[in-house]
Amino acid sequence: MDLVSFLKTVPAVIGFAGLLTYFMRKRAPVSDRDLVNIVQNVRNTAVLIGCAALIILSAWLIFRPAPPDHDAAAGGGWTRAARTQHRPVWLASYRNLDGRQDRHAC
């Protein structure tokens, strides 16, 4: 397993550990105060949503398509000749308005 694969699985491991800890711990007795019960319910819901979000994040990192090669993105779709004329590549190969072929055509 390489480092990138390991780093992709770390959020899921933390999420599963959080869920196991949540389900295995002893429950506190229900309080007679409404505010304490509301705070406990909000905290429990936040813990469950957070653990599920970590697991989903890890699944997304594992199954998403690979990003494009960095060399292809470095040019940004511009050739050297097109950059000097401030035109994108697809425009650099068109003819000028007077019909002559562009000297910087790709």
Foldseek 3Di string as FASTA:
>chain_A
DDPLLVVLCVLLVVLVVLVVVLVPDDDDDDDPDPVVVVVVVVVSVVSNVSSVVSNVSSVCSVPPDDDDDPVVPVCVQADPLCVVVVHGLVVQQDDDPVRHTRPRHD
